Amino acid sequence: MTLISSNLFSWNYFNNPTTQQTPTSTSTSNTQFSTLKRIKSKCSSITDNTQKESKKILPNLLEISNKYCPCCARRHLLGAVLGTGLFPIFPSLASDNNSSSQDPMSVLNRIHPPRPDWYEELYASAMDKTMKSYEAEIAGYKSRIFASLRGKANKILEIGIGTGPNFKYYADYPGANVLGVDPNRKMEKYALAAAEAAGLQPSNFKFVQAVAEALPLNDASVDAVVGTLVLCSVKDVDQTLQEVKRVLKPGGIYIFVEHVAAKDGTLLRFVQGILDPVQQTVADGCHLARNTADNIANAGFSGIDVNQAVLSSASLINPHVYGIARR
């Protein structure tokens, strides 16, 4: 049994349009050519120096990240690594309200522009190593809601699967077939290792690089959708939830764990408001002050069971909401 048909992966890649050039005189062209040679030589020197510095810095970044956790537990590494000046900061993009009808790969490239391989690998490796205390504290809450999948879900989609920390709660269920979606392609090997460690056969797991705003799945094609610490960083929360509803079969369930804004008037909410713009910049789009419980409540699910928890290991990303929504 396959989770999705192969034709869903035949995405198109578009080349950049050709830039037209206006004719110039021979003397002007020679001058421009000489200038370009000097610029190229200078850029090559800068690139070589940058790569040398990167090789010196990268081996120490994981050790640094373990000590640097100002905000989002899921993305706290970026605050440290961006301080090196070597990491690109990508601008926010407009929401894509009609993304479900568009090519998933083109939506991915607009929302999550391609990063260098070493950047994606470093981030994936850090996520694999720095979330243990958080996962240990959240385990009791996750166990409670993931138990609802047993015997009721064969085809499971997990959005923002990351390194696969949720597999241990459901991967050994009989008949489980899982599609993991994440914009970071380097997460695949970590998620695959986590799946195997949890008892899920490799043939029953498929990883796809995509964003939650444009899922590469047919309508009503999965029994359950799982998403933990995802809605804080998607570009469009409401579009993501509509995609979740679209791919769920009637009666299917959406399992969620998300951090939300603290109660208005509290000191924590005041601090979140101040640091939210900074957090979005340095933490891969993570928002400290989203009220995603309201988004879920207004998404049109037939029923919602939502609970709240405060985690000592989560620092500023409190409180958490967790629960189940039914299609």
Protein backbone atom coordinates (compact mmCIF):
# COMPACT_ATOMS: atom_id res chain seq x y z
CA MET A 1 0.00 0.00 0.00
CA THR A 2 1.41 3.34 -1.02
CA LEU A 3 0.50 6.60 0.60
CA ILE A 4 0.40 8.69 -2.54
CA SER A 5 0.54 7.96 -6.24
CA SER A 6 3.79 8.50 -8.12
CA ASN A 7 2.31 11.10 -10.47
CA LEU A 8 2.05 13.50 -7.54
CA PHE A 9 5.82 13.84 -7.55
CA SER A 10 6.16 14.97 -11.17
CA TRP A 11 6.76 18.58 -10.26
CA ASN A 12 8.03 21.11 -12.76
CA TYR A 13 11.17 23.16 -12.37
CA PHE A 14 11.28 26.51 -14.09
CA ASN A 15 14.39 28.21 -15.37
CA ASN A 16 14.96 31.89 -14.78
CA PRO A 17 13.96 34.07 -17.75
CA THR A 18 16.80 35.11 -20.03
CA THR A 19 17.99 38.65 -19.44
CA GLN A 20 18.19 40.80 -22.55
CA GLN A 21 21.35 42.81 -23.10
CA THR A 22 21.68 46.01 -25.07
CA PRO A 23 24.54 46.36 -27.58
CA THR A 24 27.59 48.38 -26.53
CA SER A 25 30.63 49.73 -28.37
CA THR A 26 33.88 47.70 -28.52
CA SER A 27 35.78 50.09 -26.26
CA THR A 28 33.00 50.07 -23.69
CA SER A 29 32.84 46.27 -23.78
CA ASN A 30 36.61 46.01 -23.23
CA THR A 31 36.40 48.34 -20.27
CA GLN A 32 33.48 46.39 -18.81
CA PHE A 33 35.35 43.13 -19.38
CA SER A 34 38.39 44.40 -17.47
CA THR A 35 36.18 45.63 -14.65
CA LEU A 36 34.36 42.30 -14.45
CA LYS A 37 37.70 40.45 -14.26
CA ARG A 38 38.76 42.56 -11.30
CA ILE A 39 35.39 42.05 -9.58
CA LYS A 40 35.53 38.31 -10.21
CA SER A 41 39.04 38.12 -8.79
CA LYS A 42 37.97 40.05 -5.69
CA CYS A 43 34.83 37.92 -5.21
CA SER A 44 36.86 34.71 -5.53
CA SER A 45 39.20 35.95 -2.83
CA ILE A 46 36.28 36.80 -0.54
CA THR A 47 34.62 33.43 -1.19
CA ASP A 48 37.83 31.51 -0.44
CA ASN A 49 38.31 33.40 2.82
CA THR A 50 34.67 32.85 3.79
CA GLN A 51 34.92 29.11 3.13
CA LYS A 52 38.09 28.90 5.22
CA GLU A 53 36.39 30.69 8.10
CA SER A 54 33.32 28.43 7.72
CA LYS A 55 35.49 25.34 8.13
CA LYS A 56 36.93 26.78 11.32
CA ILE A 57 33.54 27.75 12.79
CA LEU A 58 31.21 24.90 11.79
CA PRO A 59 32.70 22.15 14.02
CA ASN A 60 32.03 24.31 17.09
CA LEU A 61 28.48 25.43 16.27
CA LEU A 62 26.71 22.38 17.67
CA GLU A 63 28.52 22.81 20.99
CA ILE A 64 27.53 26.50 21.00
CA SER A 65 23.89 25.70 20.21
CA ASN A 66 23.56 23.52 23.30
CA LYS A 67 24.25 26.57 25.45
CA TYR A 68 22.24 29.11 23.46
CA CYS A 69 18.48 28.86 23.85
CA PRO A 70 16.84 32.29 24.18
CA CYS A 71 13.52 31.55 22.53
CA CYS A 72 12.04 28.78 20.41
CA ALA A 73 13.16 25.32 21.50
CA ARG A 74 12.66 24.01 17.97
CA ARG A 75 14.84 26.68 16.35
CA HIS A 76 17.13 28.08 19.02
CA LEU A 77 20.30 27.16 17.11
CA LEU A 78 19.84 29.92 14.56
CA GLY A 79 20.36 32.71 17.05
CA ALA A 80 23.92 31.46 17.58
CA VAL A 81 24.84 30.66 14.00
CA LEU A 82 23.47 33.85 12.50
CA GLY A 83 25.81 35.73 14.77
CA THR A 84 28.72 34.43 12.66
CA GLY A 85 27.60 36.48 9.67
CA LEU A 86 27.93 33.40 7.44
CA PHE A 87 24.27 32.43 7.35
CA PRO A 88 21.88 33.97 4.83
CA ILE A 89 18.73 35.62 6.21
CA PHE A 90 15.84 35.16 3.83
CA PRO A 91 13.11 37.82 3.65
CA SER A 92 9.51 37.04 4.55
CA LEU A 93 7.30 36.21 1.58
CA ALA A 94 3.66 36.98 1.01
CA SER A 95 1.08 34.35 1.92
CA ASP A 96 0.02 32.04 -0.88
CA ASN A 97 -3.73 31.76 -0.45
CA ASN A 98 -4.24 29.65 -3.58
CA SER A 99 -1.23 27.40 -3.12
CA SER A 100 -3.20 24.14 -3.04
CA SER A 101 -3.95 24.53 -6.75
CA GLN A 102 -0.35 25.37 -7.64
CA ASP A 103 2.74 23.30 -8.24
CA PRO A 104 4.04 22.26 -4.77
CA MET A 105 7.69 22.68 -5.74
CA SER A 106 7.21 26.24 -7.00
CA VAL A 107 5.40 27.11 -3.76
CA LEU A 108 8.23 25.51 -1.79
CA ASN A 109 10.81 27.62 -3.63
CA ARG A 110 8.88 30.83 -2.95
CA ILE A 111 8.19 30.15 0.71
CA HIS A 112 11.44 28.34 1.55
CA PRO A 113 14.12 29.43 -0.98
CA PRO A 114 16.93 26.91 -1.44
CA ARG A 115 19.61 27.05 1.25
CA PRO A 116 23.19 25.78 0.88
CA ASP A 117 23.63 22.08 1.65
CA TRP A 118 25.94 22.74 4.59
CA TYR A 119 23.37 25.10 6.14
CA GLU A 120 20.53 22.57 5.85
CA GLU A 121 22.75 19.77 7.18
CA LEU A 122 23.96 21.81 10.14
CA TYR A 123 20.44 22.77 11.10
CA ALA A 124 19.13 19.21 10.76
CA SER A 125 22.02 17.84 12.83
CA ALA A 126 21.45 20.42 15.55
CA MET A 127 17.75 19.62 15.70
CA ASP A 128 18.63 15.98 16.12
CA LYS A 129 20.91 16.70 19.10
CA THR A 130 19.42 19.65 21.00
CA MET A 131 15.76 18.74 21.57
CA LYS A 132 16.13 15.91 24.07
CA SER A 133 15.13 17.81 27.23
CA TYR A 134 12.10 19.32 25.51
CA GLU A 135 10.98 15.96 24.12
CA ALA A 136 11.41 14.33 27.53
CA GLU A 137 9.10 16.89 29.16
CA ILE A 138 6.45 16.86 26.43
CA ALA A 139 6.39 13.04 26.22
CA GLY A 140 3.47 12.53 28.59
CA TYR A 141 1.23 14.93 26.69
CA LYS A 142 2.18 13.44 23.33
CA SER A 143 1.56 9.88 24.50
CA ARG A 144 -1.97 10.84 25.48
CA ILE A 145 -3.00 12.22 22.10
CA PHE A 146 -1.04 9.86 19.85
CA ALA A 147 -2.81 6.90 21.45
CA SER A 148 -5.86 7.88 19.39
CA LEU A 149 -4.07 6.71 16.22
CA ARG A 150 -3.87 3.07 17.27
CA GLY A 151 -6.14 0.93 15.13
CA LYS A 152 -7.71 3.97 13.47
CA ALA A 153 -5.10 5.28 11.04
CA ASN A 154 -3.09 3.47 8.37
CA LYS A 155 -2.14 6.39 6.15
CA ILE A 156 -0.51 9.11 8.22
CA LEU A 157 0.91 12.44 7.05
CA GLU A 158 3.30 14.32 9.33
CA ILE A 159 3.93 17.96 8.39
CA GLY A 160 7.18 19.52 9.50
CA ILE A 161 8.46 16.06 10.37
CA GLY A 162 11.97 17.30 11.11
CA THR A 163 14.17 14.57 12.57
CA GLY A 164 11.21 12.35 13.42
CA PRO A 165 10.81 12.79 17.21
CA ASN A 166 7.16 11.68 17.04
CA PHE A 167 7.77 8.26 15.47
CA LYS A 168 8.20 6.58 18.84
CA TYR A 169 4.55 7.31 19.60
CA TYR A 170 2.97 5.69 16.54
CA ALA A 171 5.49 4.13 14.12
CA ASP A 172 5.04 0.60 15.49
CA TYR A 173 1.27 0.61 15.02
CA PRO A 174 0.22 -2.28 12.73
CA GLY A 175 -0.35 -1.14 9.15
CA ALA A 176 1.10 2.35 9.62
CA ASN A 177 2.25 4.02 6.38
CA VAL A 178 3.80 7.45 6.88
CA LEU A 179 4.54 10.36 4.58
CA GLY A 180 6.84 12.94 6.17
CA VAL A 181 6.87 16.47 4.73
CA ASP A 182 9.54 19.05 5.54
CA PRO A 183 11.08 21.97 3.61
CA ASN A 184 14.59 20.97 4.76
CA ARG A 185 15.72 18.10 2.55
CA LYS A 186 18.52 17.16 4.95
CA MET A 187 15.99 16.05 7.56
CA GLU A 188 15.29 12.88 5.57
CA LYS A 189 18.17 10.72 6.83
CA TYR A 190 17.47 11.64 10.46
CA ALA A 191 13.75 10.98 10.08
CA LEU A 192 14.45 7.64 8.38
CA ALA A 193 16.77 6.60 11.21
CA ALA A 194 14.15 7.59 13.80
CA ALA A 195 11.46 5.66 11.92
CA GLU A 196 13.54 2.49 11.83
CA ALA A 197 14.49 2.86 15.49
CA ALA A 198 10.79 3.11 16.36
CA GLY A 199 9.88 -0.02 14.39
CA LEU A 200 8.57 1.46 11.13
CA GLN A 201 9.71 -0.46 8.07
CA PRO A 202 11.62 1.65 5.49
CA SER A 203 9.12 0.56 2.84
CA ASN A 204 6.35 2.15 4.92
CA PHE A 205 7.98 5.57 5.12
CA LYS A 206 8.31 8.24 2.45
CA PHE A 207 9.93 11.67 2.84
CA VAL A 208 8.98 14.57 0.58
CA GLN A 209 10.49 18.05 0.55
CA ALA A 210 7.54 20.42 0.59
CA VAL A 211 5.82 23.11 2.66
CA ALA A 212 2.58 22.63 4.58
CA GLU A 213 0.86 25.41 2.61
CA ALA A 214 0.93 23.23 -0.54
CA LEU A 215 0.83 19.53 0.30
CA PRO A 216 1.63 17.13 -2.58
CA LEU A 217 -1.35 14.90 -1.85
CA ASN A 218 -4.75 14.20 -3.32
CA ASP A 219 -7.91 15.32 -1.55
CA ALA A 220 -9.15 13.01 1.23
CA SER A 221 -6.11 10.74 0.94
CA VAL A 222 -4.91 10.24 4.55
CA ASP A 223 -6.44 9.00 7.78
CA ALA A 224 -4.49 11.32 10.06
CA VAL A 225 -2.28 14.40 9.96
CA VAL A 226 0.36 15.05 12.63
CA GLY A 227 1.93 18.46 13.24
CA THR A 228 4.04 19.46 16.25
CA LEU A 229 5.75 22.87 16.52
CA VAL A 230 4.87 23.67 12.91
CA LEU A 231 2.26 26.44 12.91
CA CYS A 232 4.64 28.81 14.67
CA SER A 233 6.79 29.08 11.54
CA VAL A 234 4.61 28.49 8.48
CA LYS A 235 4.00 31.54 6.33
CA ASP A 236 0.22 31.16 6.34
CA VAL A 237 -1.41 29.37 9.29
CA ASP A 238 -4.93 29.38 7.85
CA GLN A 239 -3.80 28.05 4.47
CA THR A 240 -1.88 25.29 6.22
CA LEU A 241 -4.96 24.26 8.19
CA GLN A 242 -7.09 24.25 5.03
CA GLU A 243 -4.51 21.95 3.43
CA VAL A 244 -4.71 19.69 6.48
CA LYS A 245 -8.48 19.51 6.09
CA ARG A 246 -8.23 18.98 2.33
CA VAL A 247 -6.02 15.89 2.53
CA LEU A 248 -7.85 14.31 5.49
CA LYS A 249 -10.49 11.71 4.80
CA PRO A 250 -13.94 12.38 6.28
CA GLY A 251 -13.68 11.43 9.94
CA GLY A 252 -9.88 11.74 9.86
CA ILE A 253 -7.98 13.36 12.73
CA TYR A 254 -5.40 16.10 13.06
CA ILE A 255 -3.03 15.75 16.03
CA PHE A 256 -1.28 18.96 17.05
CA VAL A 257 1.15 20.37 19.61
CA GLU A 258 1.93 24.08 19.25
CA HIS A 259 3.29 26.93 21.33
CA VAL A 260 1.10 30.03 21.48
CA ALA A 261 1.14 33.56 22.84
CA ALA A 262 0.94 33.96 26.60
CA LYS A 263 -2.12 35.55 28.21
CA ASP A 264 -2.55 39.25 27.51
CA GLY A 265 -1.37 41.46 30.35
CA THR A 266 1.25 39.06 31.65
CA LEU A 267 4.97 39.79 31.78
CA LEU A 268 5.68 36.85 29.51
CA ARG A 269 3.28 38.20 26.86
CA PHE A 270 4.97 41.61 27.09
CA VAL A 271 8.40 40.05 26.53
CA GLN A 272 7.08 37.92 23.67
CA GLY A 273 5.75 41.03 21.96
CA ILE A 274 9.11 42.76 22.18
CA LEU A 275 11.16 39.77 21.00
CA ASP A 276 8.75 38.45 18.36
CA PRO A 277 10.22 40.42 15.40
CA VAL A 278 13.74 39.38 16.39
CA GLN A 279 12.66 35.78 16.82
CA GLN A 280 11.18 35.68 13.32
CA THR A 281 14.45 36.96 11.86
CA VAL A 282 16.88 34.72 13.69
CA ALA A 283 14.72 31.61 14.17
CA ASP A 284 13.65 30.65 10.66
CA GLY A 285 10.29 32.44 10.78
CA CYS A 286 9.20 31.21 14.23
CA HIS A 287 6.59 33.49 15.84
CA LEU A 288 6.40 33.86 19.61
CA ALA A 289 2.98 35.50 19.75
CA ARG A 290 0.66 33.60 17.42
CA ASN A 291 -2.75 32.52 18.74
CA THR A 292 -2.85 29.33 16.70
CA ALA A 293 -5.44 27.73 18.99
CA ASP A 294 -7.88 30.32 17.61
CA ASN A 295 -6.84 29.49 14.03
CA ILE A 296 -7.49 25.80 14.65
CA ALA A 297 -10.85 26.56 16.30
CA ASN A 298 -11.92 28.66 13.29
CA ALA A 299 -10.64 26.31 10.57
CA GLY A 300 -13.93 24.44 10.23
CA PHE A 301 -13.13 21.10 11.86
CA SER A 302 -16.16 19.13 13.02
CA GLY A 303 -14.82 18.77 16.54
CA ILE A 304 -11.80 19.87 18.55
CA ASP A 305 -10.35 18.67 21.84
CA VAL A 306 -7.71 21.15 22.99
CA ASN A 307 -5.67 21.32 26.20
CA GLN A 308 -2.98 23.65 27.54
CA ALA A 309 0.37 23.03 29.24
CA VAL A 310 3.37 25.05 30.41
CA LEU A 311 6.81 23.48 29.97
CA SER A 312 9.83 24.46 32.03
CA SER A 313 12.20 23.49 29.20
CA ALA A 314 10.43 25.69 26.65
CA SER A 315 11.50 29.10 28.00
CA LEU A 316 9.67 31.90 26.17
CA ILE A 317 7.65 29.57 23.95
CA ASN A 318 4.87 29.05 26.48
CA PRO A 319 2.15 28.06 26.91
CA HIS A 320 1.61 25.03 24.68
CA VAL A 321 -1.70 23.81 23.26
CA TYR A 322 -2.16 20.17 22.31
CA GLY A 323 -5.07 18.09 21.16
CA ILE A 324 -7.05 16.50 18.36
CA ALA A 325 -9.22 18.04 15.65
CA ARG A 326 -11.63 15.91 13.60
CA ARG A 327 -12.42 16.38 9.92
